[in-house]
Amino acid sequence: MISTAILYILSALLFTLTLPFRLLPDVVLPDGVAEAISEASGSLAGLNTIVPIDVLLNVFKAVILLEIGILAFKGLNWVIRKIPGVN
């Protein structure tokens, strides 16, 4: 019973927080997006013979995860410094 009430409260809170985004009109992509994607995939096909695209994507994922980890570490240290009595 208590867990159900907590879930209802969290659901209402999430519903309230997302209300401004749900009031926005639906997004429609411009006409040239599909053509741009097909042209980009055609350009990447030539690069795929030299360096496979999946290797590039994995490198980008690793770099982004590393940067997120560094940011989280700095944020955690900032929060710890804000606690009174902890130096």
PDB file of N, CA and C in Angstrom:
ATOM      1  N   MET A   1       0.813  -1.181   0.000  1.00  0.00           N
ATOM      2  CA  MET A   1       0.000   0.000   0.000  1.00  0.00           C
ATOM      3  C   MET A   1       0.866   1.258   0.000  1.00  0.00           C
ATOM      4  N   ILE A   2       1.889   1.272   0.826  1.00  0.00           N
ATOM      5  CA  ILE A   2       2.771   2.436   0.874  1.00  0.00           C
ATOM      6  C   ILE A   2       3.565   2.539  -0.432  1.00  0.00           C
ATOM      7  N   SER A   3       4.020   1.393  -0.928  1.00  0.00           N
ATOM      8  CA  SER A   3       4.792   1.432  -2.170  1.00  0.00           C
ATOM      9  C   SER A   3       3.935   1.890  -3.335  1.00  0.00           C
ATOM     10  N   THR A   4       2.664   1.522  -3.341  1.00  0.00           N
ATOM     11  CA  THR A   4       1.758   1.983  -4.389  1.00  0.00           C
ATOM     12  C   THR A   4       1.577   3.497  -4.312  1.00  0.00           C
ATOM     13  N   ALA A   5       1.433   4.020  -3.111  1.00  0.00           N
ATOM     14  CA  ALA A   5       1.287   5.470  -2.942  1.00  0.00           C
ATOM     15  C   ALA A   5       2.546   6.190  -3.391  1.00  0.00           C
ATOM     16  N   ILE A   6       3.709   5.636  -3.076  1.00  0.00           N
ATOM     17  CA  ILE A   6       4.972   6.252  -3.502  1.00  0.00           C
ATOM     18  C   ILE A   6       5.077   6.241  -5.028  1.00  0.00           C
ATOM     19  N   LEU A   7       4.672   5.143  -5.642  1.00  0.00           N
ATOM     20  CA  LEU A   7       4.708   5.075  -7.105  1.00  0.00           C
ATOM     21  C   LEU A   7       3.748   6.077  -7.731  1.00  0.00           C
ATOM     22  N   TYR A   8       2.554   6.247  -7.130  1.00  0.00           N
ATOM     23  CA  TYR A   8       1.614   7.247  -7.639  1.00  0.00           C
ATOM     24  C   TYR A   8       2.182   8.660  -7.510  1.00  0.00           C
ATOM     25  N   ILE A   9       2.840   8.939  -6.403  1.00  0.00           N
ATOM     26  CA  ILE A   9       3.438  10.261  -6.195  1.00  0.00           C
ATOM     27  C   ILE A   9       4.554  10.499  -7.206  1.00  0.00           C
ATOM     28  N   LEU A  10       5.415   9.502  -7.409  1.00  0.00           N
ATOM     29  CA  LEU A  10       6.487   9.649  -8.391  1.00  0.00           C
ATOM     30  C   LEU A  10       5.940   9.804  -9.799  1.00  0.00           C
ATOM     31  N   SER A  11       4.890   9.074 -10.109  1.00  0.00           N
ATOM     32  CA  SER A  11       4.269   9.178 -11.422  1.00  0.00           C
ATOM     33  C   SER A  11       3.688  10.573 -11.634  1.00  0.00           C
ATOM     34  N   ALA A  12       3.008  11.100 -10.633  1.00  0.00           N
ATOM     35  CA  ALA A  12       2.436  12.445 -10.742  1.00  0.00           C
ATOM     36  C   ALA A  12       3.533  13.496 -10.863  1.00  0.00           C
ATOM     37  N   LEU A  13       4.621  13.306 -10.129  1.00  0.00           N
ATOM     38  CA  LEU A  13       5.737  14.247 -10.200  1.00  0.00           C
ATOM     39  C   LEU A  13       6.369  14.227 -11.588  1.00  0.00           C
ATOM     40  N   LEU A  14       6.583  13.038 -12.114  1.00  0.00           N
ATOM     41  CA  LEU A  14       7.154  12.916 -13.457  1.00  0.00           C
ATOM     42  C   LEU A  14       6.212  13.487 -14.503  1.00  0.00           C
ATOM     43  N   PHE A  15       4.929  13.228 -14.349  1.00  0.00           N
ATOM     44  CA  PHE A  15       3.928  13.776 -15.264  1.00  0.00           C
ATOM     45  C   PHE A  15       3.945  15.302 -15.227  1.00  0.00           C
ATOM     46  N   THR A  16       4.088  15.881 -14.045  1.00  0.00           N
ATOM     47  CA  THR A  16       4.125  17.339 -13.899  1.00  0.00           C
ATOM     48  C   THR A  16       5.404  17.925 -14.493  1.00  0.00           C
ATOM     49  N   LEU A  17       6.519  17.239 -14.289  1.00  0.00           N
ATOM     50  CA  LEU A  17       7.785  17.753 -14.821  1.00  0.00           C
ATOM     51  C   LEU A  17       7.842  17.707 -16.341  1.00  0.00           C
ATOM     52  N   THR A  18       7.190  16.731 -16.938  1.00  0.00           N
ATOM     53  CA  THR A  18       7.224  16.607 -18.393  1.00  0.00           C
ATOM     54  C   THR A  18       6.088  17.352 -19.085  1.00  0.00           C
ATOM     55  N   LEU A  19       5.241  18.005 -18.336  1.00  0.00           N
ATOM     56  CA  LEU A  19       4.104  18.718 -18.908  1.00  0.00           C
ATOM     57  C   LEU A  19       4.513  19.766 -19.939  1.00  0.00           C
ATOM     58  N   PRO A  20       5.529  20.617 -19.680  1.00  0.00           N
ATOM     59  CA  PRO A  20       5.890  21.612 -20.706  1.00  0.00           C
ATOM     60  C   PRO A  20       6.336  20.979 -22.030  1.00  0.00           C
ATOM     61  N   PHE A  21       6.985  19.828 -21.963  1.00  0.00           N
ATOM     62  CA  PHE A  21       7.446  19.182 -23.187  1.00  0.00           C
ATOM     63  C   PHE A  21       6.284  18.538 -23.941  1.00  0.00           C
ATOM     64  N   ARG A  22       5.311  18.049 -23.208  1.00  0.00           N
ATOM     65  CA  ARG A  22       4.168  17.414 -23.848  1.00  0.00           C
ATOM     66  C   ARG A  22       3.233  18.430 -24.466  1.00  0.00           C
ATOM     67  N   LEU A  23       3.289  19.681 -24.036  1.00  0.00           N
ATOM     68  CA  LEU A  23       2.444  20.722 -24.614  1.00  0.00           C
ATOM     69  C   LEU A  23       2.974  21.229 -25.949  1.00  0.00           C
ATOM     70  N   LEU A  24       4.241  20.965 -26.241  1.00  0.00           N
ATOM     71  CA  LEU A  24       4.822  21.420 -27.501  1.00  0.00           C
ATOM     72  C   LEU A  24       4.214  20.653 -28.674  1.00  0.00           C
ATOM     73  N   PRO A  25       4.157  21.280 -29.855  1.00  0.00           N
ATOM     74  CA  PRO A  25       3.610  20.563 -31.012  1.00  0.00           C
ATOM     75  C   PRO A  25       4.563  19.453 -31.462  1.00  0.00           C
ATOM     76  N   ASP A  26       4.026  18.514 -32.223  1.00  0.00           N
ATOM     77  CA  ASP A  26       4.842  17.417 -32.741  1.00  0.00           C
ATOM     78  C   ASP A  26       5.889  17.956 -33.697  1.00  0.00           C
ATOM     79  N   VAL A  27       7.047  17.325 -33.688  1.00  0.00           N
ATOM     80  CA  VAL A  27       8.148  17.757 -34.535  1.00  0.00           C
ATOM     81  C   VAL A  27       8.083  17.007 -35.859  1.00  0.00           C
ATOM     82  N   VAL A  28       8.236  17.746 -36.939  1.00  0.00           N
ATOM     83  CA  VAL A  28       8.256  17.145 -38.273  1.00  0.00           C
ATOM     84  C   VAL A  28       9.605  17.466 -38.889  1.00  0.00           C
ATOM     85  N   LEU A  29      10.299  16.437 -39.358  1.00  0.00           N
ATOM     86  CA  LEU A  29      11.613  16.642 -39.957  1.00  0.00           C
ATOM     87  C   LEU A  29      11.482  17.260 -41.338  1.00  0.00           C
ATOM     88  N   PRO A  30      12.457  18.066 -41.745  1.00  0.00           N
ATOM     89  CA  PRO A  30      12.429  18.632 -43.091  1.00  0.00           C
ATOM     90  C   PRO A  30      12.549  17.535 -44.155  1.00  0.00           C
ATOM     91  N   ASP A  31      12.246  17.889 -45.396  1.00  0.00           N
ATOM     92  CA  ASP A  31      12.236  16.908 -46.480  1.00  0.00           C
ATOM     93  C   ASP A  31      13.620  16.364 -46.798  1.00  0.00           C
ATOM     94  N   GLY A  32      14.673  17.156 -46.633  1.00  0.00           N
ATOM     95  CA  GLY A  32      16.003  16.747 -47.054  1.00  0.00           C
ATOM     96  C   GLY A  32      16.747  15.851 -46.081  1.00  0.00           C
ATOM     97  N   VAL A  33      16.139  15.469 -44.972  1.00  0.00           N
ATOM     98  CA  VAL A  33      16.847  14.678 -43.964  1.00  0.00           C
ATOM     99  C   VAL A  33      17.170  13.289 -44.490  1.00  0.00           C
ATOM    100  N   ALA A  34      16.229  12.640 -45.149  1.00  0.00           N
ATOM    101  CA  ALA A  34      16.475  11.296 -45.677  1.00  0.00           C
ATOM    102  C   ALA A  34      17.564  11.311 -46.744  1.00  0.00           C
ATOM    103  N   GLU A  35      17.550  12.331 -47.579  1.00  0.00           N
ATOM    104  CA  GLU A  35      18.602  12.452 -48.601  1.00  0.00           C
ATOM    105  C   GLU A  35      19.959  12.701 -47.966  1.00  0.00           C
ATOM    106  N   ALA A  36      20.006  13.504 -46.918  1.00  0.00           N
ATOM    107  CA  ALA A  36      21.274  13.780 -46.241  1.00  0.00           C
ATOM    108  C   ALA A  36      21.833  12.522 -45.597  1.00  0.00           C
ATOM    109  N   ILE A  37      20.965  11.712 -45.017  1.00  0.00           N
ATOM    110  CA  ILE A  37      21.425  10.468 -44.398  1.00  0.00           C
ATOM    111  C   ILE A  37      21.972   9.516 -45.447  1.00  0.00           C
ATOM    112  N   SER A  38      21.300   9.407 -46.584  1.00  0.00           N
ATOM    113  CA  SER A  38      21.788   8.503 -47.632  1.00  0.00           C
ATOM    114  C   SER A  38      23.101   9.005 -48.230  1.00  0.00           C
ATOM    115  N   GLU A  39      23.258  10.312 -48.385  1.00  0.00           N
ATOM    116  CA  GLU A  39      24.523  10.865 -48.884  1.00  0.00           C
ATOM    117  C   GLU A  39      25.648  10.643 -47.878  1.00  0.00           C
ATOM    118  N   ALA A  40      25.361  10.817 -46.606  1.00  0.00           N
ATOM    119  CA  ALA A  40      26.384  10.604 -45.578  1.00  0.00           C
ATOM    120  C   ALA A  40      26.805   9.141 -45.535  1.00  0.00           C
ATOM    121  N   SER A  41      25.860   8.222 -45.670  1.00  0.00           N
ATOM    122  CA  SER A  41      26.231   6.810 -45.674  1.00  0.00           C
ATOM    123  C   SER A  41      27.041   6.458 -46.906  1.00  0.00           C
ATOM    124  N   GLY A  42      26.767   7.117 -48.019  1.00  0.00           N
ATOM    125  CA  GLY A  42      27.578   6.907 -49.218  1.00  0.00           C
ATOM    126  C   GLY A  42      29.001   7.405 -49.037  1.00  0.00           C
ATOM    127  N   SER A  43      29.163   8.538 -48.363  1.00  0.00           N
ATOM    128  CA  SER A  43      30.511   9.059 -48.125  1.00  0.00           C
ATOM    129  C   SER A  43      31.276   8.190 -47.152  1.00  0.00           C
ATOM    130  N   LEU A  44      30.586   7.653 -46.150  1.00  0.00           N
ATOM    131  CA  LEU A  44      31.250   6.814 -45.164  1.00  0.00           C
ATOM    132  C   LEU A  44      31.614   5.446 -45.733  1.00  0.00           C
ATOM    133  N   ALA A  45      30.992   5.044 -46.823  1.00  0.00           N
ATOM    134  CA  ALA A  45      31.308   3.742 -47.418  1.00  0.00           C
ATOM    135  C   ALA A  45      32.749   3.720 -47.917  1.00  0.00           C
ATOM    136  N   GLY A  46      33.237   4.824 -48.474  1.00  0.00           N
ATOM    137  CA  GLY A  46      34.626   4.901 -48.907  1.00  0.00           C
ATOM    138  C   GLY A  46      35.591   4.864 -47.736  1.00  0.00           C
ATOM    139  N   LEU A  47      35.220   5.478 -46.644  1.00  0.00           N
ATOM    140  CA  LEU A  47      36.069   5.490 -45.450  1.00  0.00           C
ATOM    141  C   LEU A  47      36.077   4.124 -44.766  1.00  0.00           C
ATOM    142  N   ASN A  48      35.018   3.370 -44.956  1.00  0.00           N
ATOM    143  CA  ASN A  48      34.897   2.068 -44.313  1.00  0.00           C
ATOM    144  C   ASN A  48      35.965   1.094 -44.804  1.00  0.00           C
ATOM    145  N   THR A  49      36.486   1.291 -46.004  1.00  0.00           N
ATOM    146  CA  THR A  49      37.546   0.401 -46.497  1.00  0.00           C
ATOM    147  C   THR A  49      38.861   0.651 -45.774  1.00  0.00           C
ATOM    148  N   ILE A  50      39.087   1.862 -45.314  1.00  0.00           N
ATOM    149  CA  ILE A  50      40.336   2.206 -44.627  1.00  0.00           C
ATOM    150  C   ILE A  50      40.228   1.890 -43.138  1.00  0.00           C
ATOM    151  N   VAL A  51      39.225   2.484 -42.481  1.00  0.00           N
ATOM    152  CA  VAL A  51      38.982   2.258 -41.049  1.00  0.00           C
ATOM    153  C   VAL A  51      37.512   1.875 -40.900  1.00  0.00           C
ATOM    154  N   PRO A  52      37.243   0.690 -40.389  1.00  0.00           N
ATOM    155  CA  PRO A  52      35.836   0.284 -40.244  1.00  0.00           C
ATOM    156  C   PRO A  52      35.054   1.251 -39.355  1.00  0.00           C
ATOM    157  N   ILE A  53      33.834   1.535 -39.773  1.00  0.00           N
ATOM    158  CA  ILE A  53      32.994   2.492 -39.067  1.00  0.00           C
ATOM    159  C   ILE A  53      32.686   2.016 -37.655  1.00  0.00           C
ATOM    160  N   ASP A  54      32.506   0.694 -37.468  1.00  0.00           N
ATOM    161  CA  ASP A  54      32.193   0.216 -36.116  1.00  0.00           C
ATOM    162  C   ASP A  54      33.355   0.445 -35.154  1.00  0.00           C
ATOM    163  N   VAL A  55      34.590   0.428 -35.681  1.00  0.00           N
ATOM    164  CA  VAL A  55      35.742   0.742 -34.827  1.00  0.00           C
ATOM    165  C   VAL A  55      35.708   2.218 -34.431  1.00  0.00           C
ATOM    166  N   LEU A  56      35.388   3.093 -35.389  1.00  0.00           N
ATOM    167  CA  LEU A  56      35.293   4.524 -35.075  1.00  0.00           C
ATOM    168  C   LEU A  56      34.202   4.792 -34.049  1.00  0.00           C
ATOM    169  N   LEU A  57      33.057   4.138 -34.210  1.00  0.00           N
ATOM    170  CA  LEU A  57      31.972   4.338 -33.253  1.00  0.00           C
ATOM    171  C   LEU A  57      32.349   3.840 -31.865  1.00  0.00           C
ATOM    172  N   ASN A  58      33.055   2.719 -31.789  1.00  0.00           N
ATOM    173  CA  ASN A  58      33.493   2.218 -30.484  1.00  0.00           C
ATOM    174  C   ASN A  58      34.497   3.156 -29.828  1.00  0.00           C
ATOM    175  N   VAL A  59      35.381   3.747 -30.616  1.00  0.00           N
ATOM    176  CA  VAL A  59      36.333   4.716 -30.070  1.00  0.00           C
ATOM    177  C   VAL A  59      35.594   5.943 -29.559  1.00  0.00           C
ATOM    178  N   PHE A  60      34.609   6.435 -30.331  1.00  0.00           N
ATOM    179  CA  PHE A  60      33.828   7.586 -29.885  1.00  0.00           C
ATOM    180  C   PHE A  60      33.067   7.265 -28.602  1.00  0.00           C
ATOM    181  N   LYS A  61      32.494   6.063 -28.512  1.00  0.00           N
ATOM    182  CA  LYS A  61      31.787   5.665 -27.291  1.00  0.00           C
ATOM    183  C   LYS A  61      32.735   5.636 -26.091  1.00  0.00           C
ATOM    184  N   ALA A  62      33.942   5.095 -26.298  1.00  0.00           N
ATOM    185  CA  ALA A  62      34.903   5.012 -25.198  1.00  0.00           C
ATOM    186  C   ALA A  62      35.308   6.407 -24.727  1.00  0.00           C
ATOM    187  N   VAL A  63      35.538   7.318 -25.669  1.00  0.00           N
ATOM    188  CA  VAL A  63      35.933   8.686 -25.299  1.00  0.00           C
ATOM    189  C   VAL A  63      34.797   9.390 -24.557  1.00  0.00           C
ATOM    190  N   ILE A  64      33.579   9.223 -25.047  1.00  0.00           N
ATOM    191  CA  ILE A  64      32.438   9.872 -24.394  1.00  0.00           C
ATOM    192  C   ILE A  64      32.221   9.301 -22.994  1.00  0.00           C
ATOM    193  N   LEU A  65      32.335   7.977 -22.841  1.00  0.00           N
ATOM    194  CA  LEU A  65      32.189   7.384 -21.515  1.00  0.00           C
ATOM    195  C   LEU A  65      33.291   7.843 -20.566  1.00  0.00           C
ATOM    196  N   LEU A  66      34.500   7.986 -21.069  1.00  0.00           N
ATOM    197  CA  LEU A  66      35.595   8.491 -20.243  1.00  0.00           C
ATOM    198  C   LEU A  66      35.315   9.910 -19.778  1.00  0.00           C
ATOM    199  N   GLU A  67      34.840  10.751 -20.694  1.00  0.00           N
ATOM    200  CA  GLU A  67      34.545  12.137 -20.323  1.00  0.00           C
ATOM    201  C   GLU A  67      33.385  12.211 -19.329  1.00  0.00           C
ATOM    202  N   ILE A  68      32.384  11.356 -19.487  1.00  0.00           N
ATOM    203  CA  ILE A  68      31.274  11.325 -18.530  1.00  0.00           C
ATOM    204  C   ILE A  68      31.778  10.872 -17.164  1.00  0.00           C
ATOM    205  N   GLY A  69      32.689   9.904 -17.146  1.00  0.00           N
ATOM    206  CA  GLY A  69      33.261   9.449 -15.883  1.00  0.00           C
ATOM    207  C   GLY A  69      34.051  10.543 -15.186  1.00  0.00           C
ATOM    208  N   ILE A  70      34.835  11.286 -15.955  1.00  0.00           N
ATOM    209  CA  ILE A  70      35.603  12.397 -15.380  1.00  0.00           C
ATOM    210  C   ILE A  70      34.664  13.457 -14.822  1.00  0.00           C
ATOM    211  N   LEU A  71      33.601  13.772 -15.576  1.00  0.00           N
ATOM    212  CA  LEU A  71      32.640  14.767 -15.111  1.00  0.00           C
ATOM    213  C   LEU A  71      31.930  14.293 -13.841  1.00  0.00           C
ATOM    214  N   ALA A  72      31.565  13.025 -13.780  1.00  0.00           N
ATOM    215  CA  ALA A  72      30.911  12.489 -12.584  1.00  0.00           C
ATOM    216  C   ALA A  72      31.860  12.526 -11.391  1.00  0.00           C
ATOM    217  N   PHE A  73      33.136  12.201 -11.610  1.00  0.00           N
ATOM    218  CA  PHE A  73      34.132  12.245 -10.537  1.00  0.00           C
ATOM    219  C   PHE A  73      34.278  13.669  -9.998  1.00  0.00           C
ATOM    220  N   LYS A  74      34.370  14.638 -10.898  1.00  0.00           N
ATOM    221  CA  LYS A  74      34.494  16.030 -10.459  1.00  0.00           C
ATOM    222  C   LYS A  74      33.233  16.501  -9.749  1.00  0.00           C
ATOM    223  N   GLY A  75      32.070  16.072 -10.248  1.00  0.00           N
ATOM    224  CA  GLY A  75      30.812  16.450  -9.600  1.00  0.00           C
ATOM    225  C   GLY A  75      30.691  15.854  -8.216  1.00  0.00           C
ATOM    226  N   LEU A  76      31.089  14.605  -8.053  1.00  0.00           N
ATOM    227  CA  LEU A  76      31.051  13.971  -6.746  1.00  0.00           C
ATOM    228  C   LEU A  76      32.000  14.665  -5.778  1.00  0.00           C
ATOM    229  N   ASN A  77      33.198  15.014  -6.245  1.00  0.00           N
ATOM    230  CA  ASN A  77      34.134  15.743  -5.381  1.00  0.00           C
ATOM    231  C   ASN A  77      33.583  17.103  -4.995  1.00  0.00           C
ATOM    232  N   TRP A  78      32.877  17.770  -5.916  1.00  0.00           N
ATOM    233  CA  TRP A  78      32.280  19.066  -5.619  1.00  0.00           C
ATOM    234  C   TRP A  78      31.217  18.913  -4.538  1.00  0.00           C
ATOM    235  N   VAL A  79      30.388  17.871  -4.663  1.00  0.00           N
ATOM    236  CA  VAL A  79      29.336  17.640  -3.664  1.00  0.00           C
ATOM    237  C   VAL A  79      29.951  17.338  -2.305  1.00  0.00           C
ATOM    238  N   ILE A  80      31.021  16.540  -2.278  1.00  0.00           N
ATOM    239  CA  ILE A  80      31.666  16.206  -1.011  1.00  0.00           C
ATOM    240  C   ILE A  80      32.245  17.463  -0.357  1.00  0.00           C
ATOM    241  N   ARG A  81      32.802  18.360  -1.141  1.00  0.00           N
ATOM    242  CA  ARG A  81      33.365  19.598  -0.571  1.00  0.00           C
ATOM    243  C   ARG A  81      32.283  20.501  -0.012  1.00  0.00           C
ATOM    244  N   LYS A  82      31.056  20.386  -0.513  1.00  0.00           N
ATOM    245  CA  LYS A  82      29.956  21.241  -0.036  1.00  0.00           C
ATOM    246  C   LYS A  82      29.374  20.755   1.302  1.00  0.00           C
ATOM    247  N   ILE A  83      29.699  19.545   1.708  1.00  0.00           N
ATOM    248  CA  ILE A  83      29.220  19.012   2.979  1.00  0.00           C
ATOM    249  C   ILE A  83      29.991  19.693   4.103  1.00  0.00           C
ATOM    250  N   PRO A  84      29.289  20.297   5.060  1.00  0.00           N
ATOM    251  CA  PRO A  84      30.002  20.986   6.145  1.00  0.00           C
ATOM    252  C   PRO A  84      30.815  19.995   6.982  1.00  0.00           C
ATOM    253  N   GLY A  85      31.998  20.401   7.342  1.00  0.00           N
ATOM    254  CA  GLY A  85      32.852  19.593   8.200  1.00  0.00           C
ATOM    255  C   GLY A  85      33.731  18.609   7.448  1.00  0.00           C
ATOM    256  N   VAL A  86      33.603  18.526   6.139  1.00  0.00           N
ATOM    257  CA  VAL A  86      34.443  17.624   5.342  1.00  0.00           C
ATOM    258  C   VAL A  86      35.363  18.490   4.504  1.00  0.00           C
ATOM    259  N   ASN A  87      36.670  18.259   4.645  1.00  0.00           N
ATOM    260  CA  ASN A  87      37.627  19.056   3.867  1.00  0.00           C
ATOM    261  C   ASN A  87      38.292  18.199   2.830  1.00  0.00           C
TER     262      ASN A  87
END
